[in-house]
N, C-alpha and C. Protein backbone atom coordinates (compact mmCIF):
# COMPACT_ATOMS: atom_id res chain seq x y z
N MET A 1 17.14 -16.15 -18.58
CA MET A 1 17.22 -16.72 -17.26
C MET A 1 16.28 -17.92 -17.20
N THR A 2 16.74 -19.03 -16.71
CA THR A 2 15.89 -20.21 -16.56
C THR A 2 15.32 -20.24 -15.15
N PHE A 3 14.21 -20.96 -15.00
CA PHE A 3 13.52 -21.03 -13.72
C PHE A 3 14.41 -21.63 -12.65
N ASP A 4 14.35 -21.02 -11.48
CA ASP A 4 15.04 -21.51 -10.30
C ASP A 4 14.13 -21.21 -9.11
N ILE A 5 13.77 -22.22 -8.33
CA ILE A 5 12.82 -22.03 -7.23
C ILE A 5 13.34 -21.01 -6.23
N ASP A 6 14.63 -21.06 -5.89
CA ASP A 6 15.17 -20.12 -4.91
C ASP A 6 15.15 -18.69 -5.44
N LYS A 7 15.47 -18.51 -6.71
CA LYS A 7 15.43 -17.16 -7.30
C LYS A 7 13.99 -16.66 -7.39
N SER A 8 13.07 -17.56 -7.61
CA SER A 8 11.65 -17.18 -7.63
C SER A 8 11.20 -16.71 -6.26
N ILE A 9 11.60 -17.43 -5.24
CA ILE A 9 11.23 -17.05 -3.87
C ILE A 9 11.84 -15.70 -3.51
N GLU A 10 13.02 -15.38 -4.05
CA GLU A 10 13.61 -14.06 -3.80
C GLU A 10 12.64 -12.94 -4.16
N ILE A 11 11.97 -13.09 -5.28
CA ILE A 11 11.01 -12.08 -5.72
C ILE A 11 9.72 -12.18 -4.92
N LEU A 12 9.18 -13.39 -4.81
CA LEU A 12 7.90 -13.58 -4.15
C LEU A 12 7.90 -13.09 -2.70
N GLU A 13 9.01 -13.28 -1.99
CA GLU A 13 9.02 -12.85 -0.60
C GLU A 13 9.22 -11.34 -0.46
N ARG A 14 9.70 -10.68 -1.50
CA ARG A 14 9.91 -9.24 -1.44
C ARG A 14 8.68 -8.43 -1.87
N THR A 15 7.81 -9.01 -2.63
CA THR A 15 6.66 -8.26 -3.14
C THR A 15 5.86 -7.56 -2.04
N PRO A 16 5.51 -8.22 -0.94
CA PRO A 16 4.76 -7.49 0.10
C PRO A 16 5.54 -6.29 0.65
N LEU A 17 6.84 -6.42 0.79
CA LEU A 17 7.66 -5.32 1.30
C LEU A 17 7.72 -4.17 0.31
N VAL A 18 7.85 -4.50 -0.97
CA VAL A 18 7.86 -3.47 -2.01
C VAL A 18 6.55 -2.69 -1.99
N LEU A 19 5.44 -3.41 -1.91
CA LEU A 19 4.14 -2.75 -1.92
C LEU A 19 3.93 -1.91 -0.66
N GLU A 20 4.37 -2.43 0.48
CA GLU A 20 4.24 -1.66 1.72
C GLU A 20 5.04 -0.36 1.63
N MET A 21 6.29 -0.46 1.19
CA MET A 21 7.12 0.74 1.08
C MET A 21 6.57 1.73 0.05
N LEU A 22 5.99 1.22 -1.01
CA LEU A 22 5.47 2.07 -2.07
C LEU A 22 4.15 2.74 -1.70
N LEU A 23 3.27 2.01 -1.00
CA LEU A 23 1.89 2.45 -0.85
C LEU A 23 1.46 2.87 0.56
N ASP A 24 2.04 2.28 1.58
CA ASP A 24 1.56 2.53 2.95
C ASP A 24 1.71 4.01 3.31
N GLY A 25 0.64 4.59 3.78
CA GLY A 25 0.65 5.97 4.24
C GLY A 25 0.37 7.00 3.16
N LEU A 26 0.20 6.57 1.92
CA LEU A 26 -0.11 7.53 0.86
C LEU A 26 -1.57 7.95 0.91
N SER A 27 -1.85 9.11 0.36
CA SER A 27 -3.22 9.61 0.29
C SER A 27 -4.04 8.77 -0.69
N ASP A 28 -5.35 8.86 -0.55
CA ASP A 28 -6.26 8.14 -1.45
C ASP A 28 -6.07 8.56 -2.90
N GLU A 29 -5.65 9.81 -3.14
CA GLU A 29 -5.45 10.25 -4.53
C GLU A 29 -4.42 9.36 -5.23
N TRP A 30 -3.41 8.90 -4.50
CA TRP A 30 -2.41 8.01 -5.08
C TRP A 30 -2.92 6.57 -5.17
N THR A 31 -3.66 6.13 -4.18
CA THR A 31 -3.97 4.69 -4.08
C THR A 31 -5.34 4.29 -4.58
N LYS A 32 -6.27 5.24 -4.69
CA LYS A 32 -7.63 4.86 -5.09
C LYS A 32 -7.98 5.32 -6.50
N ASN A 33 -7.10 6.09 -7.14
CA ASN A 33 -7.36 6.50 -8.52
C ASN A 33 -6.82 5.44 -9.49
N ASN A 34 -7.41 5.41 -10.69
CA ASN A 34 -6.97 4.44 -11.71
C ASN A 34 -6.64 5.19 -13.00
N GLU A 35 -6.54 4.45 -14.08
CA GLU A 35 -6.21 5.05 -15.38
C GLU A 35 -7.43 5.36 -16.22
N GLY A 36 -8.60 5.08 -15.71
CA GLY A 36 -9.82 5.30 -16.47
C GLY A 36 -10.71 4.07 -16.43
N PRO A 37 -11.77 4.06 -17.23
CA PRO A 37 -12.71 2.94 -17.22
C PRO A 37 -12.01 1.60 -17.44
N LYS A 38 -12.49 0.61 -16.72
CA LYS A 38 -12.00 -0.77 -16.83
C LYS A 38 -10.51 -0.90 -16.46
N SER A 39 -10.05 -0.04 -15.58
CA SER A 39 -8.68 -0.16 -15.07
C SER A 39 -8.74 -0.21 -13.55
N TRP A 40 -7.66 -0.64 -12.94
CA TRP A 40 -7.63 -0.82 -11.49
C TRP A 40 -6.75 0.22 -10.83
N SER A 41 -7.14 0.57 -9.62
CA SER A 41 -6.32 1.43 -8.77
C SER A 41 -5.29 0.57 -8.03
N PRO A 42 -4.25 1.18 -7.47
CA PRO A 42 -3.33 0.41 -6.63
C PRO A 42 -4.06 -0.35 -5.51
N TYR A 43 -5.05 0.28 -4.92
CA TYR A 43 -5.84 -0.36 -3.86
C TYR A 43 -6.48 -1.65 -4.38
N GLU A 44 -7.09 -1.57 -5.56
CA GLU A 44 -7.75 -2.75 -6.15
C GLU A 44 -6.74 -3.82 -6.55
N ILE A 45 -5.56 -3.41 -6.97
CA ILE A 45 -4.52 -4.37 -7.34
C ILE A 45 -4.08 -5.16 -6.11
N VAL A 46 -3.93 -4.49 -4.98
CA VAL A 46 -3.57 -5.19 -3.74
C VAL A 46 -4.68 -6.20 -3.39
N GLY A 47 -5.94 -5.80 -3.56
CA GLY A 47 -7.05 -6.73 -3.33
C GLY A 47 -6.97 -7.94 -4.24
N HIS A 48 -6.61 -7.72 -5.48
CA HIS A 48 -6.45 -8.80 -6.45
C HIS A 48 -5.33 -9.75 -6.02
N LEU A 49 -4.23 -9.20 -5.56
CA LEU A 49 -3.11 -10.03 -5.10
C LEU A 49 -3.52 -10.86 -3.88
N ILE A 50 -4.30 -10.29 -3.00
CA ILE A 50 -4.79 -11.03 -1.82
C ILE A 50 -5.66 -12.19 -2.28
N HIS A 51 -6.56 -11.93 -3.21
CA HIS A 51 -7.43 -13.01 -3.70
C HIS A 51 -6.60 -14.13 -4.32
N GLY A 52 -5.56 -13.78 -5.05
CA GLY A 52 -4.66 -14.78 -5.62
C GLY A 52 -3.97 -15.62 -4.56
N GLU A 53 -3.57 -14.98 -3.48
CA GLU A 53 -2.92 -15.73 -2.39
C GLU A 53 -3.88 -16.73 -1.77
N LYS A 54 -5.15 -16.36 -1.72
CA LYS A 54 -6.15 -17.24 -1.10
C LYS A 54 -6.58 -18.38 -2.01
N THR A 55 -6.60 -18.15 -3.33
CA THR A 55 -7.28 -19.12 -4.20
C THR A 55 -6.48 -19.60 -5.40
N ASP A 56 -5.31 -19.05 -5.65
CA ASP A 56 -4.65 -19.36 -6.91
C ASP A 56 -3.36 -20.15 -6.74
N TRP A 57 -2.26 -19.53 -6.50
CA TRP A 57 -0.93 -20.10 -6.67
C TRP A 57 -0.68 -21.38 -5.90
N VAL A 58 -0.75 -21.33 -4.60
CA VAL A 58 -0.47 -22.52 -3.79
C VAL A 58 -1.59 -23.54 -3.94
N THR A 59 -2.81 -23.06 -4.06
CA THR A 59 -3.95 -23.95 -4.27
C THR A 59 -3.74 -24.78 -5.54
N ARG A 60 -3.32 -24.13 -6.60
CA ARG A 60 -3.09 -24.84 -7.86
C ARG A 60 -1.85 -25.73 -7.79
N ALA A 61 -0.83 -25.30 -7.08
CA ALA A 61 0.35 -26.15 -6.91
C ALA A 61 -0.04 -27.45 -6.19
N LYS A 62 -0.92 -27.34 -5.22
CA LYS A 62 -1.39 -28.53 -4.50
C LYS A 62 -2.17 -29.45 -5.42
N VAL A 63 -2.95 -28.88 -6.31
CA VAL A 63 -3.69 -29.69 -7.29
C VAL A 63 -2.70 -30.46 -8.16
N ILE A 64 -1.69 -29.77 -8.64
CA ILE A 64 -0.69 -30.41 -9.50
C ILE A 64 0.01 -31.54 -8.76
N LEU A 65 0.37 -31.31 -7.53
CA LEU A 65 1.15 -32.29 -6.76
C LEU A 65 0.29 -33.38 -6.12
N SER A 66 -1.01 -33.23 -6.18
CA SER A 66 -1.90 -34.21 -5.55
C SER A 66 -1.90 -35.54 -6.33
N GLU A 67 -2.42 -36.54 -5.70
CA GLU A 67 -2.55 -37.85 -6.35
C GLU A 67 -3.90 -38.00 -7.04
N SER A 68 -4.69 -36.96 -7.00
CA SER A 68 -5.99 -36.98 -7.64
C SER A 68 -5.85 -37.14 -9.14
N GLU A 69 -6.80 -37.84 -9.74
CA GLU A 69 -6.81 -37.95 -11.20
C GLU A 69 -7.30 -36.67 -11.85
N ASN A 70 -8.14 -35.93 -11.14
CA ASN A 70 -8.65 -34.66 -11.66
C ASN A 70 -7.66 -33.55 -11.30
N LYS A 71 -6.95 -33.06 -12.28
CA LYS A 71 -5.94 -32.02 -12.08
C LYS A 71 -6.40 -30.67 -12.63
N THR A 72 -7.70 -30.53 -12.84
CA THR A 72 -8.23 -29.28 -13.37
C THR A 72 -8.35 -28.24 -12.27
N PHE A 73 -7.82 -27.05 -12.52
CA PHE A 73 -7.88 -25.96 -11.54
C PHE A 73 -9.28 -25.38 -11.50
N ILE A 74 -9.68 -24.93 -10.32
CA ILE A 74 -10.91 -24.16 -10.18
C ILE A 74 -10.66 -22.82 -10.86
N PRO A 75 -11.60 -22.33 -11.67
CA PRO A 75 -11.40 -21.04 -12.33
C PRO A 75 -11.10 -19.93 -11.31
N PHE A 76 -10.20 -19.04 -11.66
CA PHE A 76 -9.81 -17.92 -10.81
C PHE A 76 -10.59 -16.69 -11.24
N ASP A 77 -11.26 -16.06 -10.29
CA ASP A 77 -12.01 -14.84 -10.57
C ASP A 77 -11.05 -13.65 -10.49
N ARG A 78 -10.60 -13.18 -11.63
CA ARG A 78 -9.62 -12.09 -11.67
C ARG A 78 -10.20 -10.75 -11.21
N PHE A 79 -11.51 -10.70 -11.04
CA PHE A 79 -12.15 -9.44 -10.66
C PHE A 79 -12.83 -9.52 -9.29
N ALA A 80 -12.54 -10.55 -8.52
CA ALA A 80 -13.19 -10.76 -7.22
C ALA A 80 -12.99 -9.58 -6.29
N GLN A 81 -11.84 -8.93 -6.35
CA GLN A 81 -11.56 -7.83 -5.44
C GLN A 81 -12.52 -6.66 -5.65
N LEU A 82 -13.12 -6.58 -6.82
CA LEU A 82 -14.05 -5.49 -7.10
C LEU A 82 -15.40 -5.70 -6.44
N GLN A 83 -15.66 -6.92 -5.95
CA GLN A 83 -16.92 -7.24 -5.31
C GLN A 83 -16.83 -7.14 -3.79
N THR A 84 -15.65 -6.80 -3.26
CA THR A 84 -15.45 -6.78 -1.81
C THR A 84 -15.58 -5.37 -1.26
N ASN A 85 -15.58 -5.29 0.06
CA ASN A 85 -15.65 -4.02 0.76
C ASN A 85 -14.45 -3.16 0.39
N GLN A 86 -14.68 -2.03 -0.20
CA GLN A 86 -13.61 -1.14 -0.63
C GLN A 86 -13.27 -0.11 0.46
N GLN A 87 -13.75 -0.35 1.68
CA GLN A 87 -13.50 0.59 2.77
C GLN A 87 -12.39 0.12 3.72
N THR A 88 -11.93 -1.11 3.55
CA THR A 88 -10.85 -1.60 4.39
C THR A 88 -9.63 -0.72 4.18
N PRO A 89 -9.01 -0.23 5.26
CA PRO A 89 -7.82 0.60 5.07
C PRO A 89 -6.73 -0.15 4.31
N LEU A 90 -6.05 0.56 3.42
CA LEU A 90 -4.99 -0.05 2.62
C LEU A 90 -3.92 -0.67 3.53
N LYS A 91 -3.62 -0.03 4.62
CA LYS A 91 -2.63 -0.56 5.57
C LYS A 91 -3.02 -1.98 5.99
N ASP A 92 -4.31 -2.21 6.22
CA ASP A 92 -4.80 -3.54 6.61
C ASP A 92 -4.69 -4.53 5.46
N LEU A 93 -4.96 -4.07 4.24
CA LEU A 93 -4.82 -4.95 3.08
C LEU A 93 -3.36 -5.36 2.89
N LEU A 94 -2.46 -4.41 3.04
CA LEU A 94 -1.04 -4.71 2.88
C LEU A 94 -0.58 -5.71 3.94
N LYS A 95 -1.07 -5.57 5.15
CA LYS A 95 -0.73 -6.51 6.23
C LYS A 95 -1.28 -7.89 5.91
N ALA A 96 -2.52 -7.95 5.46
CA ALA A 96 -3.14 -9.23 5.12
C ALA A 96 -2.38 -9.91 3.98
N PHE A 97 -1.99 -9.14 2.98
CA PHE A 97 -1.24 -9.69 1.86
C PHE A 97 0.08 -10.28 2.35
N LYS A 98 0.78 -9.56 3.19
CA LYS A 98 2.07 -10.05 3.70
C LYS A 98 1.88 -11.34 4.49
N GLU A 99 0.87 -11.39 5.34
CA GLU A 99 0.62 -12.60 6.14
C GLU A 99 0.28 -13.79 5.25
N LEU A 100 -0.57 -13.58 4.27
CA LEU A 100 -0.94 -14.66 3.35
C LEU A 100 0.26 -15.12 2.53
N ARG A 101 1.06 -14.18 2.05
CA ARG A 101 2.23 -14.53 1.26
C ARG A 101 3.24 -15.31 2.10
N ASP A 102 3.47 -14.86 3.33
CA ASP A 102 4.41 -15.57 4.21
C ASP A 102 3.95 -17.01 4.42
N LYS A 103 2.65 -17.18 4.67
CA LYS A 103 2.09 -18.52 4.87
C LYS A 103 2.25 -19.36 3.60
N ASN A 104 1.95 -18.77 2.45
CA ASN A 104 2.05 -19.51 1.19
C ASN A 104 3.49 -19.89 0.86
N LEU A 105 4.42 -19.02 1.15
CA LEU A 105 5.82 -19.35 0.88
C LEU A 105 6.32 -20.45 1.81
N GLU A 106 5.83 -20.47 3.03
CA GLU A 106 6.18 -21.58 3.93
C GLU A 106 5.64 -22.89 3.37
N GLU A 107 4.40 -22.86 2.88
CA GLU A 107 3.81 -24.07 2.27
C GLU A 107 4.59 -24.48 1.03
N LEU A 108 4.97 -23.51 0.22
CA LEU A 108 5.73 -23.80 -0.99
C LEU A 108 7.07 -24.46 -0.64
N LYS A 109 7.75 -23.91 0.32
CA LYS A 109 9.04 -24.48 0.74
C LYS A 109 8.87 -25.89 1.29
N ALA A 110 7.77 -26.13 1.99
CA ALA A 110 7.52 -27.45 2.57
C ALA A 110 7.23 -28.50 1.50
N MET A 111 6.87 -28.07 0.30
CA MET A 111 6.59 -29.00 -0.80
C MET A 111 7.85 -29.67 -1.32
N GLN A 112 9.00 -29.16 -0.95
CA GLN A 112 10.29 -29.72 -1.36
C GLN A 112 10.30 -30.00 -2.87
N ILE A 113 10.16 -28.95 -3.61
CA ILE A 113 10.03 -29.06 -5.06
C ILE A 113 11.37 -29.41 -5.70
N ASP A 114 11.34 -30.44 -6.51
CA ASP A 114 12.52 -30.87 -7.26
C ASP A 114 12.18 -30.88 -8.75
N ALA A 115 13.13 -31.29 -9.56
CA ALA A 115 12.94 -31.27 -11.03
C ALA A 115 11.74 -32.12 -11.45
N ALA A 116 11.55 -33.26 -10.82
CA ALA A 116 10.42 -34.13 -11.19
C ALA A 116 9.09 -33.46 -10.87
N LYS A 117 9.00 -32.82 -9.72
CA LYS A 117 7.75 -32.13 -9.35
C LYS A 117 7.48 -30.95 -10.29
N LEU A 118 8.53 -30.27 -10.71
CA LEU A 118 8.35 -29.13 -11.62
C LEU A 118 7.74 -29.55 -12.95
N ARG A 119 7.92 -30.80 -13.34
CA ARG A 119 7.36 -31.29 -14.61
C ARG A 119 5.91 -31.78 -14.47
N MET A 120 5.44 -31.95 -13.24
CA MET A 120 4.07 -32.43 -13.04
C MET A 120 3.08 -31.39 -13.57
N LYS A 121 1.94 -31.89 -14.06
CA LYS A 121 1.00 -31.01 -14.75
C LYS A 121 -0.37 -30.93 -14.09
N GLY A 122 -0.97 -29.79 -14.30
CA GLY A 122 -2.37 -29.57 -13.98
C GLY A 122 -3.04 -29.05 -15.23
N VAL A 123 -4.34 -28.77 -15.12
CA VAL A 123 -5.09 -28.30 -16.28
C VAL A 123 -5.77 -26.98 -15.95
N HIS A 124 -5.37 -25.95 -16.66
CA HIS A 124 -6.02 -24.65 -16.53
C HIS A 124 -7.34 -24.72 -17.29
N PRO A 125 -8.44 -24.21 -16.72
CA PRO A 125 -9.75 -24.35 -17.38
C PRO A 125 -9.85 -23.66 -18.74
N GLU A 126 -9.00 -22.68 -19.02
CA GLU A 126 -9.03 -22.00 -20.32
C GLU A 126 -7.80 -22.29 -21.17
N LEU A 127 -6.65 -22.45 -20.52
CA LEU A 127 -5.39 -22.55 -21.25
C LEU A 127 -4.90 -23.96 -21.48
N GLY A 128 -5.49 -24.92 -20.80
CA GLY A 128 -5.07 -26.30 -20.97
C GLY A 128 -3.95 -26.69 -20.01
N GLU A 129 -3.17 -27.69 -20.42
CA GLU A 129 -2.12 -28.23 -19.54
C GLU A 129 -1.04 -27.20 -19.23
N ALA A 130 -0.59 -27.25 -17.98
CA ALA A 130 0.52 -26.41 -17.53
C ALA A 130 1.25 -27.17 -16.43
N ASN A 131 2.56 -27.07 -16.44
CA ASN A 131 3.31 -27.76 -15.40
C ASN A 131 3.59 -26.83 -14.22
N LEU A 132 4.11 -27.41 -13.14
CA LEU A 132 4.35 -26.64 -11.92
C LEU A 132 5.38 -25.54 -12.16
N LYS A 133 6.39 -25.81 -12.95
CA LYS A 133 7.40 -24.78 -13.26
C LYS A 133 6.73 -23.57 -13.91
N GLU A 134 5.82 -23.82 -14.84
CA GLU A 134 5.14 -22.73 -15.52
C GLU A 134 4.24 -21.95 -14.56
N LEU A 135 3.56 -22.66 -13.67
CA LEU A 135 2.71 -22.00 -12.68
C LEU A 135 3.54 -21.09 -11.77
N LEU A 136 4.64 -21.62 -11.26
CA LEU A 136 5.47 -20.84 -10.33
C LEU A 136 6.15 -19.68 -11.05
N SER A 137 6.57 -19.89 -12.28
CA SER A 137 7.15 -18.79 -13.07
C SER A 137 6.11 -17.69 -13.29
N THR A 138 4.89 -18.09 -13.55
CA THR A 138 3.81 -17.13 -13.76
C THR A 138 3.54 -16.33 -12.50
N TRP A 139 3.61 -16.98 -11.34
CA TRP A 139 3.41 -16.29 -10.07
C TRP A 139 4.41 -15.14 -9.92
N VAL A 140 5.66 -15.39 -10.24
CA VAL A 140 6.71 -14.37 -10.15
C VAL A 140 6.42 -13.23 -11.14
N VAL A 141 6.16 -13.58 -12.38
CA VAL A 141 5.90 -12.56 -13.41
C VAL A 141 4.63 -11.78 -13.08
N HIS A 142 3.63 -12.45 -12.54
CA HIS A 142 2.38 -11.81 -12.12
C HIS A 142 2.68 -10.72 -11.08
N ASP A 143 3.48 -11.06 -10.09
CA ASP A 143 3.86 -10.06 -9.08
C ASP A 143 4.54 -8.86 -9.73
N LEU A 144 5.55 -9.13 -10.55
CA LEU A 144 6.30 -8.05 -11.18
C LEU A 144 5.41 -7.21 -12.09
N GLY A 145 4.50 -7.86 -12.79
CA GLY A 145 3.57 -7.14 -13.66
C GLY A 145 2.68 -6.19 -12.88
N HIS A 146 2.21 -6.63 -11.72
CA HIS A 146 1.33 -5.76 -10.93
C HIS A 146 2.10 -4.65 -10.23
N ILE A 147 3.36 -4.89 -9.86
CA ILE A 147 4.18 -3.80 -9.33
C ILE A 147 4.35 -2.74 -10.41
N SER A 148 4.63 -3.18 -11.63
CA SER A 148 4.76 -2.25 -12.75
C SER A 148 3.44 -1.52 -13.00
N GLN A 149 2.35 -2.23 -12.94
CA GLN A 149 1.03 -1.62 -13.16
C GLN A 149 0.76 -0.55 -12.12
N ILE A 150 1.06 -0.83 -10.86
CA ILE A 150 0.83 0.13 -9.79
C ILE A 150 1.63 1.41 -10.05
N THR A 151 2.89 1.27 -10.38
CA THR A 151 3.71 2.47 -10.60
C THR A 151 3.24 3.24 -11.84
N ARG A 152 2.77 2.53 -12.85
CA ARG A 152 2.25 3.21 -14.05
C ARG A 152 0.99 4.00 -13.72
N VAL A 153 0.07 3.36 -12.96
CA VAL A 153 -1.18 4.03 -12.58
C VAL A 153 -0.86 5.29 -11.76
N MET A 154 0.08 5.16 -10.86
CA MET A 154 0.44 6.31 -10.03
C MET A 154 1.09 7.41 -10.87
N ALA A 155 1.98 7.04 -11.77
CA ALA A 155 2.63 8.04 -12.62
C ALA A 155 1.60 8.81 -13.44
N LYS A 156 0.60 8.11 -13.93
CA LYS A 156 -0.40 8.76 -14.78
C LYS A 156 -1.25 9.78 -14.02
N GLN A 157 -1.20 9.76 -12.70
CA GLN A 157 -1.94 10.77 -11.93
C GLN A 157 -1.37 12.17 -12.20
N TYR A 158 -0.11 12.24 -12.61
CA TYR A 158 0.53 13.53 -12.89
C TYR A 158 0.74 13.77 -14.38
N LYS A 159 0.09 12.97 -15.21
CA LYS A 159 0.29 13.10 -16.67
C LYS A 159 0.04 14.53 -17.15
N SER A 160 -1.00 15.14 -16.68
CA SER A 160 -1.32 16.50 -17.15
C SER A 160 -0.49 17.56 -16.45
N GLU A 161 0.36 17.16 -15.52
CA GLU A 161 1.13 18.13 -14.73
C GLU A 161 2.60 18.26 -15.17
N VAL A 162 3.09 17.34 -15.99
CA VAL A 162 4.52 17.33 -16.31
C VAL A 162 4.91 18.24 -17.47
N GLY A 163 3.93 18.79 -18.13
CA GLY A 163 4.21 19.72 -19.22
C GLY A 163 4.98 19.05 -20.34
N PRO A 164 5.98 19.76 -20.89
CA PRO A 164 6.70 19.25 -22.06
C PRO A 164 7.51 17.99 -21.79
N TRP A 165 7.80 17.70 -20.50
CA TRP A 165 8.58 16.50 -20.19
C TRP A 165 7.83 15.21 -20.50
N GLU A 166 6.54 15.32 -20.77
CA GLU A 166 5.78 14.12 -21.13
C GLU A 166 6.45 13.38 -22.29
N ALA A 167 7.07 14.11 -23.18
CA ALA A 167 7.75 13.52 -24.33
C ALA A 167 8.86 12.55 -23.91
N TYR A 168 9.42 12.73 -22.72
CA TYR A 168 10.52 11.88 -22.24
C TYR A 168 10.06 10.80 -21.25
N LEU A 169 8.80 10.78 -20.92
CA LEU A 169 8.30 9.89 -19.87
C LEU A 169 7.48 8.75 -20.47
N GLY A 170 8.17 7.71 -20.90
CA GLY A 170 7.54 6.57 -21.56
C GLY A 170 6.45 5.93 -20.73
N ILE A 171 6.55 5.98 -19.41
CA ILE A 171 5.55 5.35 -18.55
C ILE A 171 4.17 5.99 -18.76
N LEU A 172 4.12 7.23 -19.21
CA LEU A 172 2.85 7.91 -19.43
C LEU A 172 2.21 7.55 -20.76
N LYS A 173 2.93 6.83 -21.60
CA LYS A 173 2.41 6.48 -22.93
C LYS A 173 1.82 5.08 -22.98
N LYS A 174 1.97 4.30 -21.94
CA LYS A 174 1.52 2.92 -21.94
C LYS A 174 0.07 2.81 -21.56
């Protein structure tokens, strides 16, 4: 499948709804547990997605599309959510994520992205040059990756409970 802005927006606008349907109203055992040391809980993943909405995707798209000679992105703190208040109810985080995403998608649509804009480049502080198409494609894959991560973390909460069926449950082996 090749990049298409409208098809990308199809995924990006659904992510908040998917997360709300999956996580809202669940007990802390489902949302605050992780896979072990140096792994994130669904709660922390939602915090990470919020931080990205505030500082990453649209911010970097604006850098790429700007007339500035300096196209270097500000480094993204992938662990910022771990430094924030972990007492905010998940329902509030999900609402905040949806509001931020809706705002960002409106900004994205207002950019009137065409083929020429998709080829414009910025500079990632670690990875080097990247064009707008690559940034927007990454945003979509990032969402899908974290949805997958959330479901994997949740599935692993029952790893010791499934008995012999573990042999058939590939999600528990990742």
